[in-house]
Amino acid sequence: MEKSRIYYTKPSITELEVEYATDAARHGWGDRCYEYISRFEEAFKAHLGVKYAIISHIK
């Protein structure tokens, strides 16, 4: 019996994603966290081309 492999790939993380994560880690605390959550939700909806993608957080 021949063994088959499941191939994988590395994530594609550019300097832009590193910059976004660093900015959120430095500035996305306290009340500002909602700004980052909202920006993510809007970008995710736009990427998917849908009106709703994530259940909104409770403030």
Protein backbone atom coordinates (compact mmCIF):
# COMPACT_ATOMS: atom_id res chain seq x y z
CA MET A 1 0.00 0.00 0.00
CA GLU A 2 1.44 3.34 -1.05
CA LYS A 3 1.30 6.19 1.48
CA SER A 4 -0.13 9.46 0.25
CA ARG A 5 0.89 12.85 1.51
CA ILE A 6 -1.10 15.89 2.37
CA TYR A 7 0.92 18.81 1.08
CA TYR A 8 0.99 22.10 2.91
CA THR A 9 2.21 25.59 2.31
CA LYS A 10 3.51 28.43 4.44
CA PRO A 11 1.25 31.39 5.18
CA SER A 12 1.78 34.42 3.01
CA ILE A 13 2.56 37.18 5.49
CA THR A 14 4.05 40.36 4.12
CA GLU A 15 5.43 43.41 5.88
CA LEU A 16 1.96 45.00 5.57
CA GLU A 17 0.37 42.30 7.76
CA VAL A 18 3.23 42.62 10.25
CA GLU A 19 2.66 46.39 10.33
CA TYR A 20 -1.10 45.95 10.93
CA ALA A 21 -0.54 43.43 13.75
CA THR A 22 2.12 45.62 15.36
CA ASP A 23 -0.13 48.69 15.20
CA ALA A 24 -3.02 46.78 16.79
CA ALA A 25 -0.75 45.41 19.54
CA ARG A 26 0.62 48.88 20.31
CA HIS A 27 -2.57 50.94 20.08
CA GLY A 28 -5.61 48.65 20.07
CA TRP A 29 -6.26 48.47 23.81
CA GLY A 30 -9.12 49.76 25.94
CA ASP A 31 -11.83 51.68 24.12
CA ARG A 32 -9.71 51.78 20.95
CA CYS A 33 -10.09 48.01 20.50
CA TYR A 34 -13.55 48.58 19.00
CA GLU A 35 -12.00 50.73 16.27
CA TYR A 36 -9.77 47.82 15.25
CA ILE A 37 -12.63 45.31 15.43
CA SER A 38 -14.84 47.54 13.25
CA ARG A 39 -12.07 48.06 10.70
CA PHE A 40 -11.53 44.30 10.50
CA GLU A 41 -15.25 43.59 10.11
CA GLU A 42 -15.62 46.13 7.30
CA ALA A 43 -12.56 44.84 5.45
CA PHE A 44 -13.71 41.23 5.86
CA LYS A 45 -17.19 42.00 4.51
CA ALA A 46 -15.69 43.84 1.55
CA HIS A 47 -13.32 40.96 0.86
CA LEU A 48 -16.22 38.48 0.86
CA GLY A 49 -18.57 40.82 -1.00
CA VAL A 50 -21.34 40.39 1.56
CA LYS A 51 -23.46 42.71 3.68
CA TYR A 52 -22.93 40.80 6.95
CA ALA A 53 -20.00 38.60 7.88
CA ILE A 54 -19.39 38.81 11.63
CA ILE A 55 -21.79 39.19 14.51
CA SER A 56 -21.16 42.61 15.98
CA HIS A 57 -19.53 42.91 19.36
CA ILE A 58 -21.40 44.21 22.38
CA LYS A 59 -20.23 47.58 23.69
